[in-house]
């Protein structure tokens, strides 16, 4: 009986661990972090500034589509 409980506990633990691992992999593959914030992409995209500073111009809102060449933000 103790072996069944231990096996059941192990299966539950492994299942929960796998769920969190899959969510972590999904999150890190779809969200790229930079000094400017987070961007959800279908492909790898890097955002960065040459210098640190406070963003003073941000013409887009969350969910807006951005085309190549658009100014995303300025410091």
Protein backbone atom coordinates (compact mmCIF):
# COMPACT_ATOMS: atom_id res chain seq x y z
CA UNK A 1 0.00 0.00 0.00
CA UNK A 2 2.84 2.41 0.85
CA UNK A 3 4.46 1.68 -2.51
CA UNK A 4 1.24 2.61 -4.34
CA UNK A 5 0.96 5.90 -2.45
CA UNK A 6 4.62 6.70 -3.12
CA UNK A 7 4.23 5.87 -6.82
CA UNK A 8 1.06 7.97 -7.07
CA UNK A 9 2.79 10.90 -5.36
CA UNK A 10 5.77 10.58 -7.70
CA UNK A 11 3.53 10.52 -10.78
CA UNK A 12 1.67 13.64 -9.60
CA UNK A 13 4.95 15.44 -8.85
CA UNK A 14 6.42 14.57 -12.26
CA UNK A 15 3.21 15.65 -14.01
CA UNK A 16 3.14 19.03 -12.26
CA UNK A 17 6.84 19.54 -12.95
CA UNK A 18 6.35 18.79 -16.65
CA UNK A 19 3.42 21.21 -16.87
CA UNK A 20 5.49 24.03 -15.38
CA UNK A 21 8.45 23.15 -17.60
CA UNK A 22 6.30 23.24 -20.74
CA UNK A 23 4.79 26.59 -19.70
CA UNK A 24 8.27 28.00 -19.03
CA UNK A 25 9.56 26.86 -22.42
CA UNK A 26 6.48 28.29 -24.16
CA UNK A 27 6.83 31.61 -22.34
CA UNK A 28 10.53 32.01 -23.03
CA UNK A 29 10.12 31.08 -26.69
CA UNK A 30 7.29 33.60 -27.28
CA UNK A 31 8.39 36.55 -25.17
CA UNK A 32 11.67 38.32 -25.60
CA UNK A 33 12.83 40.53 -22.77
CA UNK A 34 14.80 43.70 -23.31
CA UNK A 35 15.46 46.92 -21.46
CA UNK A 36 12.45 48.39 -23.25
CA UNK A 37 9.89 45.77 -22.21
CA UNK A 38 8.34 42.60 -23.56
CA UNK A 39 7.41 41.80 -27.13
CA UNK A 40 5.35 38.79 -28.19
CA UNK A 41 6.53 37.59 -31.57
CA UNK A 42 6.16 34.78 -34.04
CA UNK A 43 9.86 35.03 -34.74
CA UNK A 44 12.87 36.11 -32.71
CA UNK A 45 12.99 39.89 -32.34
CA UNK A 46 15.43 41.93 -30.28
CA UNK A 47 14.65 45.42 -29.04
CA UNK A 48 17.31 47.59 -27.50
CA UNK A 49 18.59 51.12 -27.12
CA UNK A 50 22.16 52.32 -27.39
CA UNK A 51 21.85 54.08 -24.02
CA UNK A 52 19.84 53.65 -20.84
CA UNK A 53 17.08 56.11 -20.17
CA UNK A 54 13.39 56.72 -19.69
CA UNK A 55 11.05 56.14 -22.64
CA UNK A 56 9.46 59.46 -23.62
CA UNK A 57 7.75 58.45 -26.87
CA UNK A 58 5.77 55.24 -27.31
CA UNK A 59 3.36 55.53 -30.27
CA UNK A 60 1.96 51.99 -30.08
CA UNK A 61 -0.36 50.29 -27.61
CA UNK A 62 -0.39 46.65 -26.55
CA UNK A 63 -1.73 44.52 -29.38
CA UNK A 64 -0.95 47.01 -32.18
CA UNK A 65 0.74 45.62 -35.26
CA UNK A 66 4.11 47.10 -36.08
CA UNK A 67 5.65 47.03 -39.54
CA UNK A 68 9.32 46.87 -40.37
CA UNK A 69 10.89 50.31 -40.10
CA UNK A 70 8.33 51.80 -37.67
CA UNK A 71 9.70 53.78 -34.74
CA UNK A 72 8.70 51.74 -31.71
CA UNK A 73 9.95 54.03 -28.94
CA UNK A 74 12.43 56.77 -28.19
CA UNK A 75 14.33 57.84 -25.10
